[in-house]
Amino acid sequence: MPLWGSTTARLLWNLLIPLTIGGIFLLRMIQLHQYQLIAPGCLLFYGLALINASKYTLGEIRYLGYGQLILGVSNLWMGSHGLYFWAAGFGCLHIIYGIVMWLKYEKPGMAINNNPE
């Protein structure tokens, strides 16, 4: 299967629209000195981007997006703890997601060998 194709283009487009708009929104929040909204905004727009792009990749990525949204919304009411929510969202959730994907698709002895010798 080729790396670049119409599905890859659609995936990137659906991922980049929420991330780009989110980035512009967050830059404006910085200009307005609304720093307490930066961490939740990052989590929210990243979660929306993952959910939006999940149509073109593994469906499980949607659940990572839901987790990011839950953390982002929670962080809206605990703005002084933004770094902890970032660590949970961009660190812990990705590690958990990676372990789940490894167990599901790549676990030793369970992986599909596409190149038999």
PDB file of N, CA and C in Angstrom:
ATOM      1  N   MET A   1       0.854  -1.172   0.000  1.00  0.00           N
ATOM      2  CA  MET A   1       0.000   0.000   0.000  1.00  0.00           C
ATOM      3  C   MET A   1       0.905   1.240   0.000  1.00  0.00           C
ATOM      4  N   PRO A   2       0.674   2.164  -0.902  1.00  0.00           N
ATOM      5  CA  PRO A   2       1.520   3.367  -0.956  1.00  0.00           C
ATOM      6  C   PRO A   2       1.307   4.255   0.271  1.00  0.00           C
ATOM      7  N   LEU A   3       2.388   4.919   0.668  1.00  0.00           N
ATOM      8  CA  LEU A   3       2.332   5.799   1.832  1.00  0.00           C
ATOM      9  C   LEU A   3       1.482   7.037   1.550  1.00  0.00           C
ATOM     10  N   TRP A   4       1.649   7.620   0.357  1.00  0.00           N
ATOM     11  CA  TRP A   4       0.912   8.828   0.026  1.00  0.00           C
ATOM     12  C   TRP A   4      -0.173   8.488  -0.987  1.00  0.00           C
ATOM     13  N   GLY A   5      -1.371   8.928  -0.699  1.00  0.00           N
ATOM     14  CA  GLY A   5      -2.494   8.698  -1.597  1.00  0.00           C
ATOM     15  C   GLY A   5      -3.639   9.606  -1.212  1.00  0.00           C
ATOM     16  N   SER A   6      -4.790   9.375  -1.799  1.00  0.00           N
ATOM     17  CA  SER A   6      -5.932  10.237  -1.511  1.00  0.00           C
ATOM     18  C   SER A   6      -6.406  10.095  -0.063  1.00  0.00           C
ATOM     19  N   THR A   7      -6.290   8.884   0.499  1.00  0.00           N
ATOM     20  CA  THR A   7      -6.685   8.697   1.902  1.00  0.00           C
ATOM     21  C   THR A   7      -5.756   9.459   2.832  1.00  0.00           C
ATOM     22  N   THR A   8      -4.459   9.431   2.531  1.00  0.00           N
ATOM     23  CA  THR A   8      -3.487  10.176   3.350  1.00  0.00           C
ATOM     24  C   THR A   8      -3.765  11.676   3.269  1.00  0.00           C
ATOM     25  N   ALA A   9      -4.072  12.162   2.081  1.00  0.00           N
ATOM     26  CA  ALA A   9      -4.374  13.587   1.924  1.00  0.00           C
ATOM     27  C   ALA A   9      -5.614  13.970   2.726  1.00  0.00           C
ATOM     28  N   ARG A  10      -6.654  13.131   2.681  1.00  0.00           N
ATOM     29  CA  ARG A  10      -7.867  13.411   3.454  1.00  0.00           C
ATOM     30  C   ARG A  10      -7.584  13.355   4.956  1.00  0.00           C
ATOM     31  N   LEU A  11      -6.772  12.393   5.378  1.00  0.00           N
ATOM     32  CA  LEU A  11      -6.394  12.294   6.790  1.00  0.00           C
ATOM     33  C   LEU A  11      -5.703  13.569   7.246  1.00  0.00           C
ATOM     34  N   LEU A  12      -4.706  14.000   6.500  1.00  0.00           N
ATOM     35  CA  LEU A  12      -3.969  15.210   6.882  1.00  0.00           C
ATOM     36  C   LEU A  12      -4.868  16.445   6.868  1.00  0.00           C
ATOM     37  N   TRP A  13      -5.709  16.552   5.871  1.00  0.00           N
ATOM     38  CA  TRP A  13      -6.617  17.698   5.783  1.00  0.00           C
ATOM     39  C   TRP A  13      -7.542  17.742   6.994  1.00  0.00           C
ATOM     40  N   ASN A  14      -8.117  16.591   7.341  1.00  0.00           N
ATOM     41  CA  ASN A  14      -9.044  16.534   8.476  1.00  0.00           C
ATOM     42  C   ASN A  14      -8.337  16.704   9.811  1.00  0.00           C
ATOM     43  N   LEU A  15      -7.058  16.426   9.874  1.00  0.00           N
ATOM     44  CA  LEU A  15      -6.279  16.650  11.082  1.00  0.00           C
ATOM     45  C   LEU A  15      -5.816  18.102  11.177  1.00  0.00           C
ATOM     46  N   LEU A  16      -5.396  18.655  10.047  1.00  0.00           N
ATOM     47  CA  LEU A  16      -4.788  19.995  10.064  1.00  0.00           C
ATOM     48  C   LEU A  16      -5.792  21.133  10.220  1.00  0.00           C
ATOM     49  N   ILE A  17      -7.010  20.963   9.764  1.00  0.00           N
ATOM     50  CA  ILE A  17      -7.984  22.068   9.897  1.00  0.00           C
ATOM     51  C   ILE A  17      -8.223  22.411  11.370  1.00  0.00           C
ATOM     52  N   PRO A  18      -8.606  21.452  12.224  1.00  0.00           N
ATOM     53  CA  PRO A  18      -8.802  21.827  13.638  1.00  0.00           C
ATOM     54  C   PRO A  18      -7.505  22.274  14.314  1.00  0.00           C
ATOM     55  N   LEU A  19      -6.376  21.666  13.951  1.00  0.00           N
ATOM     56  CA  LEU A  19      -5.113  22.072  14.575  1.00  0.00           C
ATOM     57  C   LEU A  19      -4.717  23.491  14.169  1.00  0.00           C
ATOM     58  N   THR A  20      -4.906  23.838  12.920  1.00  0.00           N
ATOM     59  CA  THR A  20      -4.552  25.183  12.449  1.00  0.00           C
ATOM     60  C   THR A  20      -5.455  26.242  13.072  1.00  0.00           C
ATOM     61  N   ILE A  21      -6.752  25.997  13.041  1.00  0.00           N
ATOM     62  CA  ILE A  21      -7.696  26.947  13.648  1.00  0.00           C
ATOM     63  C   ILE A  21      -7.436  27.051  15.148  1.00  0.00           C
ATOM     64  N   GLY A  22      -7.154  25.921  15.786  1.00  0.00           N
ATOM     65  CA  GLY A  22      -6.824  25.930  17.210  1.00  0.00           C
ATOM     66  C   GLY A  22      -5.565  26.731  17.491  1.00  0.00           C
ATOM     67  N   GLY A  23      -4.563  26.573  16.633  1.00  0.00           N
ATOM     68  CA  GLY A  23      -3.327  27.334  16.797  1.00  0.00           C
ATOM     69  C   GLY A  23      -3.549  28.830  16.678  1.00  0.00           C
ATOM     70  N   ILE A  24      -4.362  29.235  15.720  1.00  0.00           N
ATOM     71  CA  ILE A  24      -4.693  30.659  15.563  1.00  0.00           C
ATOM     72  C   ILE A  24      -5.449  31.169  16.790  1.00  0.00           C
ATOM     73  N   PHE A  25      -6.416  30.384  17.250  1.00  0.00           N
ATOM     74  CA  PHE A  25      -7.178  30.751  18.439  1.00  0.00           C
ATOM     75  C   PHE A  25      -6.258  30.899  19.650  1.00  0.00           C
ATOM     76  N   LEU A  26      -5.331  29.964  19.818  1.00  0.00           N
ATOM     77  CA  LEU A  26      -4.435  30.011  20.972  1.00  0.00           C
ATOM     78  C   LEU A  26      -3.446  31.173  20.876  1.00  0.00           C
ATOM     79  N   LEU A  27      -3.006  31.503  19.680  1.00  0.00           N
ATOM     80  CA  LEU A  27      -2.157  32.689  19.525  1.00  0.00           C
ATOM     81  C   LEU A  27      -2.908  33.952  19.945  1.00  0.00           C
ATOM     82  N   ARG A  28      -4.175  34.019  19.595  1.00  0.00           N
ATOM     83  CA  ARG A  28      -4.980  35.168  20.021  1.00  0.00           C
ATOM     84  C   ARG A  28      -5.153  35.183  21.538  1.00  0.00           C
ATOM     85  N   MET A  29      -5.318  34.025  22.149  1.00  0.00           N
ATOM     86  CA  MET A  29      -5.423  33.954  23.613  1.00  0.00           C
ATOM     87  C   MET A  29      -4.126  34.454  24.259  1.00  0.00           C
ATOM     88  N   ILE A  30      -2.998  34.141  23.651  1.00  0.00           N
ATOM     89  CA  ILE A  30      -1.709  34.635  24.172  1.00  0.00           C
ATOM     90  C   ILE A  30      -1.661  36.160  24.062  1.00  0.00           C
ATOM     91  N   GLN A  31      -2.085  36.695  22.903  1.00  0.00           N
ATOM     92  CA  GLN A  31      -2.097  38.147  22.728  1.00  0.00           C
ATOM     93  C   GLN A  31      -2.985  38.836  23.766  1.00  0.00           C
ATOM     94  N   LEU A  32      -4.070  38.179  24.137  1.00  0.00           N
ATOM     95  CA  LEU A  32      -4.997  38.747  25.123  1.00  0.00           C
ATOM     96  C   LEU A  32      -4.600  38.418  26.557  1.00  0.00           C
ATOM     97  N   HIS A  33      -3.463  37.763  26.732  1.00  0.00           N
ATOM     98  CA  HIS A  33      -2.950  37.381  28.052  1.00  0.00           C
ATOM     99  C   HIS A  33      -3.916  36.463  28.792  1.00  0.00           C
ATOM    100  N   GLN A  34      -4.594  35.605  28.074  1.00  0.00           N
ATOM    101  CA  GLN A  34      -5.514  34.624  28.667  1.00  0.00           C
ATOM    102  C   GLN A  34      -4.774  33.278  28.785  1.00  0.00           C
ATOM    103  N   TYR A  35      -3.696  33.281  29.531  1.00  0.00           N
ATOM    104  CA  TYR A  35      -2.812  32.123  29.605  1.00  0.00           C
ATOM    105  C   TYR A  35      -3.472  30.896  30.224  1.00  0.00           C
ATOM    106  N   GLN A  36      -4.453  31.099  31.073  1.00  0.00           N
ATOM    107  CA  GLN A  36      -5.113  29.965  31.712  1.00  0.00           C
ATOM    108  C   GLN A  36      -5.917  29.137  30.711  1.00  0.00           C
ATOM    109  N   LEU A  37      -6.171  29.677  29.519  1.00  0.00           N
ATOM    110  CA  LEU A  37      -6.931  28.950  28.499  1.00  0.00           C
ATOM    111  C   LEU A  37      -6.044  28.229  27.477  1.00  0.00           C
ATOM    112  N   ILE A  38      -4.738  28.400  27.567  1.00  0.00           N
ATOM    113  CA  ILE A  38      -3.840  27.800  26.574  1.00  0.00           C
ATOM    114  C   ILE A  38      -3.817  26.281  26.695  1.00  0.00           C
ATOM    115  N   ALA A  39      -3.577  25.757  27.881  1.00  0.00           N
ATOM    116  CA  ALA A  39      -3.497  24.302  28.051  1.00  0.00           C
ATOM    117  C   ALA A  39      -4.821  23.619  27.700  1.00  0.00           C
ATOM    118  N   PRO A  40      -5.955  24.084  28.234  1.00  0.00           N
ATOM    119  CA  PRO A  40      -7.201  23.416  27.838  1.00  0.00           C
ATOM    120  C   PRO A  40      -7.497  23.575  26.348  1.00  0.00           C
ATOM    121  N   GLY A  41      -7.140  24.712  25.775  1.00  0.00           N
ATOM    122  CA  GLY A  41      -7.360  24.914  24.344  1.00  0.00           C
ATOM    123  C   GLY A  41      -6.558  23.938  23.505  1.00  0.00           C
ATOM    124  N   CYS A  42      -5.306  23.708  23.892  1.00  0.00           N
ATOM    125  CA  CYS A  42      -4.477  22.729  23.171  1.00  0.00           C
ATOM    126  C   CYS A  42      -5.109  21.339  23.229  1.00  0.00           C
ATOM    127  N   LEU A  43      -5.526  20.941  24.402  1.00  0.00           N
ATOM    128  CA  LEU A  43      -6.145  19.622  24.566  1.00  0.00           C
ATOM    129  C   LEU A  43      -7.448  19.520  23.777  1.00  0.00           C
ATOM    130  N   LEU A  44      -8.260  20.554  23.816  1.00  0.00           N
ATOM    131  CA  LEU A  44      -9.551  20.522  23.130  1.00  0.00           C
ATOM    132  C   LEU A  44      -9.392  20.459  21.612  1.00  0.00           C
ATOM    133  N   PHE A  45      -8.556  21.331  21.061  1.00  0.00           N
ATOM    134  CA  PHE A  45      -8.407  21.331  19.604  1.00  0.00           C
ATOM    135  C   PHE A  45      -7.680  20.077  19.110  1.00  0.00           C
ATOM    136  N   TYR A  46      -6.737  19.575  19.875  1.00  0.00           N
ATOM    137  CA  TYR A  46      -6.068  18.331  19.500  1.00  0.00           C
ATOM    138  C   TYR A  46      -7.058  17.172  19.549  1.00  0.00           C
ATOM    139  N   GLY A  47      -7.890  17.112  20.576  1.00  0.00           N
ATOM    140  CA  GLY A  47      -8.907  16.072  20.665  1.00  0.00           C
ATOM    141  C   GLY A  47      -9.875  16.130  19.493  1.00  0.00           C
ATOM    142  N   LEU A  48     -10.312  17.336  19.132  1.00  0.00           N
ATOM    143  CA  LEU A  48     -11.208  17.490  17.982  1.00  0.00           C
ATOM    144  C   LEU A  48     -10.528  17.047  16.688  1.00  0.00           C
ATOM    145  N   ALA A  49      -9.249  17.369  16.548  1.00  0.00           N
ATOM    146  CA  ALA A  49      -8.512  16.958  15.352  1.00  0.00           C
ATOM    147  C   ALA A  49      -8.402  15.439  15.269  1.00  0.00           C
ATOM    148  N   LEU A  50      -8.128  14.787  16.398  1.00  0.00           N
ATOM    149  CA  LEU A  50      -8.026  13.328  16.393  1.00  0.00           C
ATOM    150  C   LEU A  50      -9.359  12.683  16.035  1.00  0.00           C
ATOM    151  N   ILE A  51     -10.427  13.176  16.606  1.00  0.00           N
ATOM    152  CA  ILE A  51     -11.752  12.626  16.308  1.00  0.00           C
ATOM    153  C   ILE A  51     -12.094  12.850  14.837  1.00  0.00           C
ATOM    154  N   ASN A  52     -11.793  14.037  14.334  1.00  0.00           N
ATOM    155  CA  ASN A  52     -12.081  14.355  12.945  1.00  0.00           C
ATOM    156  C   ASN A  52     -11.269  13.481  11.991  1.00  0.00           C
ATOM    157  N   ALA A  53     -10.021  13.195  12.326  1.00  0.00           N
ATOM    158  CA  ALA A  53      -9.156  12.397  11.455  1.00  0.00           C
ATOM    159  C   ALA A  53      -9.372  10.899  11.621  1.00  0.00           C
ATOM    160  N   SER A  54     -10.080  10.485  12.649  1.00  0.00           N
ATOM    161  CA  SER A  54     -10.236   9.059  12.927  1.00  0.00           C
ATOM    162  C   SER A  54     -11.008   8.326  11.832  1.00  0.00           C
ATOM    163  N   LYS A  55     -11.699   9.057  10.985  1.00  0.00           N
ATOM    164  CA  LYS A  55     -12.432   8.433   9.880  1.00  0.00           C
ATOM    165  C   LYS A  55     -11.477   7.806   8.866  1.00  0.00           C
ATOM    166  N   TYR A  56     -10.212   8.246   8.850  1.00  0.00           N
ATOM    167  CA  TYR A  56      -9.268   7.830   7.825  1.00  0.00           C
ATOM    168  C   TYR A  56      -8.109   7.018   8.384  1.00  0.00           C
ATOM    169  N   THR A  57      -8.195   6.601   9.628  1.00  0.00           N
ATOM    170  CA  THR A  57      -7.132   5.804  10.234  1.00  0.00           C
ATOM    171  C   THR A  57      -7.777   4.805  11.188  1.00  0.00           C
ATOM    172  N   LEU A  58      -6.996   4.240  12.073  1.00  0.00           N
ATOM    173  CA  LEU A  58      -7.534   3.285  13.033  1.00  0.00           C
ATOM    174  C   LEU A  58      -8.628   3.956  13.868  1.00  0.00           C
ATOM    175  N   GLY A  59      -9.747   3.289  14.009  1.00  0.00           N
ATOM    176  CA  GLY A  59     -10.873   3.859  14.744  1.00  0.00           C
ATOM    177  C   GLY A  59     -10.568   4.136  16.198  1.00  0.00           C
ATOM    178  N   GLU A  60      -9.579   3.424  16.749  1.00  0.00           N
ATOM    179  CA  GLU A  60      -9.248   3.597  18.166  1.00  0.00           C
ATOM    180  C   GLU A  60      -8.718   4.991  18.481  1.00  0.00           C
ATOM    181  N   ILE A  61      -8.214   5.680  17.476  1.00  0.00           N
ATOM    182  CA  ILE A  61      -7.670   7.024  17.726  1.00  0.00           C
ATOM    183  C   ILE A  61      -8.779   7.978  18.173  1.00  0.00           C
ATOM    184  N   ARG A  62     -10.011   7.649  17.824  1.00  0.00           N
ATOM    185  CA  ARG A  62     -11.159   8.451  18.262  1.00  0.00           C
ATOM    186  C   ARG A  62     -11.235   8.484  19.785  1.00  0.00           C
ATOM    187  N   TYR A  63     -10.925   7.352  20.427  1.00  0.00           N
ATOM    188  CA  TYR A  63     -10.992   7.293  21.892  1.00  0.00           C
ATOM    189  C   TYR A  63      -9.885   8.123  22.531  1.00  0.00           C
ATOM    190  N   LEU A  64      -8.732   8.190  21.884  1.00  0.00           N
ATOM    191  CA  LEU A  64      -7.679   9.092  22.358  1.00  0.00           C
ATOM    192  C   LEU A  64      -8.174  10.534  22.279  1.00  0.00           C
ATOM    193  N   GLY A  65      -8.874  10.862  21.202  1.00  0.00           N
ATOM    194  CA  GLY A  65      -9.455  12.201  21.057  1.00  0.00           C
ATOM    195  C   GLY A  65     -10.483  12.496  22.133  1.00  0.00           C
ATOM    196  N   TYR A  66     -11.328  11.509  22.453  1.00  0.00           N
ATOM    197  CA  TYR A  66     -12.306  11.703  23.525  1.00  0.00           C
ATOM    198  C   TYR A  66     -11.608  11.957  24.860  1.00  0.00           C
ATOM    199  N   GLY A  67     -10.546  11.236  25.117  1.00  0.00           N
ATOM    200  CA  GLY A  67      -9.786  11.442  26.351  1.00  0.00           C
ATOM    201  C   GLY A  67      -9.204  12.844  26.431  1.00  0.00           C
ATOM    202  N   GLN A  68      -8.687  13.330  25.288  1.00  0.00           N
ATOM    203  CA  GLN A  68      -8.146  14.689  25.246  1.00  0.00           C
ATOM    204  C   GLN A  68      -9.251  15.715  25.523  1.00  0.00           C
ATOM    205  N   LEU A  69     -10.427  15.488  24.948  1.00  0.00           N
ATOM    206  CA  LEU A  69     -11.542  16.410  25.176  1.00  0.00           C
ATOM    207  C   LEU A  69     -11.965  16.430  26.637  1.00  0.00           C
ATOM    208  N   ILE A  70     -12.033  15.273  27.258  1.00  0.00           N
ATOM    209  CA  ILE A  70     -12.415  15.203  28.672  1.00  0.00           C
ATOM    210  C   ILE A  70     -11.409  15.961  29.527  1.00  0.00           C
ATOM    211  N   LEU A  71     -10.127  15.758  29.253  1.00  0.00           N
ATOM    212  CA  LEU A  71      -9.103  16.484  30.011  1.00  0.00           C
ATOM    213  C   LEU A  71      -9.178  17.987  29.745  1.00  0.00           C
ATOM    214  N   GLY A  72      -9.393  18.372  28.487  1.00  0.00           N
ATOM    215  CA  GLY A  72      -9.472  19.789  28.139  1.00  0.00           C
ATOM    216  C   GLY A  72     -10.633  20.488  28.814  1.00  0.00           C
ATOM    217  N   VAL A  73     -11.786  19.859  28.804  1.00  0.00           N
ATOM    218  CA  VAL A  73     -12.958  20.452  29.456  1.00  0.00           C
ATOM    219  C   VAL A  73     -12.743  20.527  30.964  1.00  0.00           C
ATOM    220  N   SER A  74     -12.184  19.486  31.542  1.00  0.00           N
ATOM    221  CA  SER A  74     -11.899  19.498  32.984  1.00  0.00           C
ATOM    222  C   SER A  74     -10.924  20.612  33.333  1.00  0.00           C
ATOM    223  N   ASN A  75      -9.940  20.818  32.468  1.00  0.00           N
ATOM    224  CA  ASN A  75      -8.922  21.840  32.718  1.00  0.00           C
ATOM    225  C   ASN A  75      -9.485  23.256  32.623  1.00  0.00           C
ATOM    226  N   LEU A  76     -10.610  23.434  31.961  1.00  0.00           N
ATOM    227  CA  LEU A  76     -11.222  24.767  31.890  1.00  0.00           C
ATOM    228  C   LEU A  76     -11.568  25.300  33.275  1.00  0.00           C
ATOM    229  N   TRP A  77     -11.885  24.405  34.206  1.00  0.00           N
ATOM    230  CA  TRP A  77     -12.245  24.818  35.570  1.00  0.00           C
ATOM    231  C   TRP A  77     -11.082  24.707  36.545  1.00  0.00           C
ATOM    232  N   MET A  78      -9.956  24.196  36.070  1.00  0.00           N
ATOM    233  CA  MET A  78      -8.771  24.109  36.917  1.00  0.00           C
ATOM    234  C   MET A  78      -7.579  24.676  36.153  1.00  0.00           C
ATOM    235  N   GLY A  79      -7.707  25.910  35.750  1.00  0.00           N
ATOM    236  CA  GLY A  79      -6.727  26.550  34.882  1.00  0.00           C
ATOM    237  C   GLY A  79      -5.319  26.622  35.433  1.00  0.00           C
ATOM    238  N   SER A  80      -5.182  26.671  36.739  1.00  0.00           N
ATOM    239  CA  SER A  80      -3.841  26.779  37.312  1.00  0.00           C
ATOM    240  C   SER A  80      -3.078  25.460  37.255  1.00  0.00           C
ATOM    241  N   HIS A  81      -3.741  24.387  36.850  1.00  0.00           N
ATOM    242  CA  HIS A  81      -3.091  23.075  36.780  1.00  0.00           C
ATOM    243  C   HIS A  81      -2.877  22.623  35.338  1.00  0.00           C
ATOM    244  N   GLY A  82      -2.751  23.566  34.427  1.00  0.00           N
ATOM    245  CA  GLY A  82      -2.628  23.246  33.011  1.00  0.00           C
ATOM    246  C   GLY A  82      -1.488  22.304  32.680  1.00  0.00           C
ATOM    247  N   LEU A  83      -0.349  22.471  33.324  1.00  0.00           N
ATOM    248  CA  LEU A  83       0.794  21.608  33.031  1.00  0.00           C
ATOM    249  C   LEU A  83       0.502  20.157  33.403  1.00  0.00           C
ATOM    250  N   TYR A  84      -0.222  19.947  34.476  1.00  0.00           N
ATOM    251  CA  TYR A  84      -0.593  18.583  34.873  1.00  0.00           C
ATOM    252  C   TYR A  84      -1.543  17.953  33.853  1.00  0.00           C
ATOM    253  N   PHE A  85      -2.473  18.752  33.359  1.00  0.00           N
ATOM    254  CA  PHE A  85      -3.396  18.239  32.353  1.00  0.00           C
ATOM    255  C   PHE A  85      -2.668  17.965  31.038  1.00  0.00           C
ATOM    256  N   TRP A  86      -1.702  18.814  30.680  1.00  0.00           N
ATOM    257  CA  TRP A  86      -0.882  18.554  29.490  1.00  0.00           C
ATOM    258  C   TRP A  86      -0.130  17.244  29.650  1.00  0.00           C
ATOM    259  N   ALA A  87       0.474  17.051  30.816  1.00  0.00           N
ATOM    260  CA  ALA A  87       1.220  15.812  31.064  1.00  0.00           C
ATOM    261  C   ALA A  87       0.295  14.597  30.969  1.00  0.00           C
ATOM    262  N   ALA A  88      -0.912  14.734  31.503  1.00  0.00           N
ATOM    263  CA  ALA A  88      -1.871  13.628  31.435  1.00  0.00           C
ATOM    264  C   ALA A  88      -2.312  13.376  29.998  1.00  0.00           C
ATOM    265  N   GLY A  89      -2.601  14.447  29.258  1.00  0.00           N
ATOM    266  CA  GLY A  89      -3.112  14.303  27.895  1.00  0.00           C
ATOM    267  C   GLY A  89      -2.062  13.935  26.875  1.00  0.00           C
ATOM    268  N   PHE A  90      -0.984  14.700  26.843  1.00  0.00           N
ATOM    269  CA  PHE A  90       0.034  14.486  25.820  1.00  0.00           C
ATOM    270  C   PHE A  90       1.073  13.458  26.248  1.00  0.00           C
ATOM    271  N   GLY A  91       1.071  13.083  27.510  1.00  0.00           N
ATOM    272  CA  GLY A  91       1.992  12.068  27.995  1.00  0.00           C
ATOM    273  C   GLY A  91       1.287  10.766  28.310  1.00  0.00           C
ATOM    274  N   CYS A  92       0.566  10.754  29.412  1.00  0.00           N
ATOM    275  CA  CYS A  92      -0.055   9.514  29.909  1.00  0.00           C
ATOM    276  C   CYS A  92      -1.043   8.905  28.918  1.00  0.00           C
ATOM    277  N   LEU A  93      -1.937   9.715  28.346  1.00  0.00           N
ATOM    278  CA  LEU A  93      -2.916   9.156  27.415  1.00  0.00           C
ATOM    279  C   LEU A  93      -2.241   8.548  26.185  1.00  0.00           C
ATOM    280  N   HIS A  94      -1.169   9.182  25.696  1.00  0.00           N
ATOM    281  CA  HIS A  94      -0.466   8.623  24.540  1.00  0.00           C
ATOM    282  C   HIS A  94       0.256   7.323  24.896  1.00  0.00           C
ATOM    283  N   ILE A  95       0.795   7.254  26.098  1.00  0.00           N
ATOM    284  CA  ILE A  95       1.454   6.015  26.530  1.00  0.00           C
ATOM    285  C   ILE A  95       0.420   4.901  26.651  1.00  0.00           C
ATOM    286  N   ILE A  96      -0.710   5.194  27.270  1.00  0.00           N
ATOM    287  CA  ILE A  96      -1.773   4.192  27.400  1.00  0.00           C
ATOM    288  C   ILE A  96      -2.267   3.769  26.020  1.00  0.00           C
ATOM    289  N   TYR A  97      -2.478   4.730  25.131  1.00  0.00           N
ATOM    290  CA  TYR A  97      -2.916   4.429  23.770  1.00  0.00           C
ATOM    291  C   TYR A  97      -1.889   3.541  23.059  1.00  0.00           C
ATOM    292  N   GLY A  98      -0.619   3.869  23.214  1.00  0.00           N
ATOM    293  CA  GLY A  98       0.434   3.065  22.595  1.00  0.00           C
ATOM    294  C   GLY A  98       0.459   1.639  23.117  1.00  0.00           C
ATOM    295  N   ILE A  99       0.288   1.477  24.412  1.00  0.00           N
ATOM    296  CA  ILE A  99       0.270   0.129  24.996  1.00  0.00           C
ATOM    297  C   ILE A  99      -0.933  -0.657  24.472  1.00  0.00           C
ATOM    298  N   VAL A 100      -2.090  -0.007  24.429  1.00  0.00           N
ATOM    299  CA  VAL A 100      -3.294  -0.685  23.920  1.00  0.00           C
ATOM    300  C   VAL A 100      -3.091  -1.092  22.462  1.00  0.00           C
ATOM    301  N   MET A 101      -2.542  -0.210  21.649  1.00  0.00           N
ATOM    302  CA  MET A 101      -2.300  -0.539  20.238  1.00  0.00           C
ATOM    303  C   MET A 101      -1.277  -1.657  20.101  1.00  0.00           C
ATOM    304  N   TRP A 102      -0.256  -1.624  20.936  1.00  0.00           N
ATOM    305  CA  TRP A 102       0.757  -2.680  20.897  1.00  0.00           C
ATOM    306  C   TRP A 102       0.139  -4.024  21.246  1.00  0.00           C
ATOM    307  N   LEU A 103      -0.655  -4.034  22.314  1.00  0.00           N
ATOM    308  CA  LEU A 103      -1.302  -5.280  22.727  1.00  0.00           C
ATOM    309  C   LEU A 103      -2.277  -5.785  21.661  1.00  0.00           C
ATOM    310  N   LYS A 104      -2.940  -4.858  21.001  1.00  0.00           N
ATOM    311  CA  LYS A 104      -3.950  -5.249  20.021  1.00  0.00           C
ATOM    312  C   LYS A 104      -3.349  -5.685  18.687  1.00  0.00           C
ATOM    313  N   TYR A 105      -2.302  -5.000  18.222  1.00  0.00           N
ATOM    314  CA  TYR A 105      -1.803  -5.225  16.875  1.00  0.00           C
ATOM    315  C   TYR A 105      -0.390  -5.779  16.772  1.00  0.00           C
ATOM    316  N   GLU A 106       0.453  -5.545  17.764  1.00  0.00           N
ATOM    317  CA  GLU A 106       1.866  -5.878  17.627  1.00  0.00           C
ATOM    318  C   GLU A 106       2.414  -6.806  18.699  1.00  0.00           C
ATOM    319  N   LYS A 107       1.596  -7.309  19.562  1.00  0.00           N
ATOM    320  CA  LYS A 107       2.073  -8.146  20.664  1.00  0.00           C
ATOM    321  C   LYS A 107       2.884  -9.302  20.110  1.00  0.00           C
ATOM    322  N   PRO A 108       4.059  -9.581  20.702  1.00  0.00           N
ATOM    323  CA  PRO A 108       4.888 -10.685  20.211  1.00  0.00           C
ATOM    324  C   PRO A 108       4.088 -11.990  20.144  1.00  0.00           C
ATOM    325  N   GLY A 109       4.255 -12.682  19.028  1.00  0.00           N
ATOM    326  CA  GLY A 109       3.526 -13.921  18.840  1.00  0.00           C
ATOM    327  C   GLY A 109       2.150 -13.713  18.252  1.00  0.00           C
ATOM    328  N   MET A 110       1.672 -12.466  18.228  1.00  0.00           N
ATOM    329  CA  MET A 110       0.333 -12.175  17.711  1.00  0.00           C
ATOM    330  C   MET A 110       0.384 -11.333  16.426  1.00  0.00           C
ATOM    331  N   ALA A 111       1.567 -10.784  16.116  1.00  0.00           N
ATOM    332  CA  ALA A 111       1.670  -9.904  14.970  1.00  0.00           C
ATOM    333  C   ALA A 111       1.492 -10.692  13.671  1.00  0.00           C
ATOM    334  N   ILE A 112       0.916 -10.027  12.696  1.00  0.00           N
ATOM    335  CA  ILE A 112       0.721 -10.639  11.389  1.00  0.00           C
ATOM    336  C   ILE A 112       1.995 -10.439  10.592  1.00  0.00           C
ATOM    337  N   ASN A 113       2.521 -11.506  10.064  1.00  0.00           N
ATOM    338  CA  ASN A 113       3.747 -11.440   9.273  1.00  0.00           C
ATOM    339  C   ASN A 113       3.380 -11.352   7.810  1.00  0.00           C
ATOM    340  N   ASN A 114       3.609 -10.193   7.211  1.00  0.00           N
ATOM    341  CA  ASN A 114       3.281  -9.986   5.813  1.00  0.00           C
ATOM    342  C   ASN A 114       4.379 -10.430   4.873  1.00  0.00           C
ATOM    343  N   ASN A 115       5.555 -10.730   5.408  1.00  0.00           N
ATOM    344  CA  ASN A 115       6.691 -11.132   4.575  1.00  0.00           C
ATOM    345  C   ASN A 115       7.183 -12.503   4.989  1.00  0.00           C
ATOM    346  N   PRO A 116       6.452 -13.558   4.649  1.00  0.00           N
ATOM    347  CA  PRO A 116       6.904 -14.889   5.037  1.00  0.00           C
ATOM    348  C   PRO A 116       8.187 -15.252   4.285  1.00  0.00           C
ATOM    349  N   GLU A 117       9.078 -15.932   4.984  1.00  0.00           N
ATOM    350  CA  GLU A 117      10.355 -16.304   4.349  1.00  0.00           C
ATOM    351  C   GLU A 117      10.323 -17.725   3.893  1.00  0.00           C
TER     352      GLU A 117
END
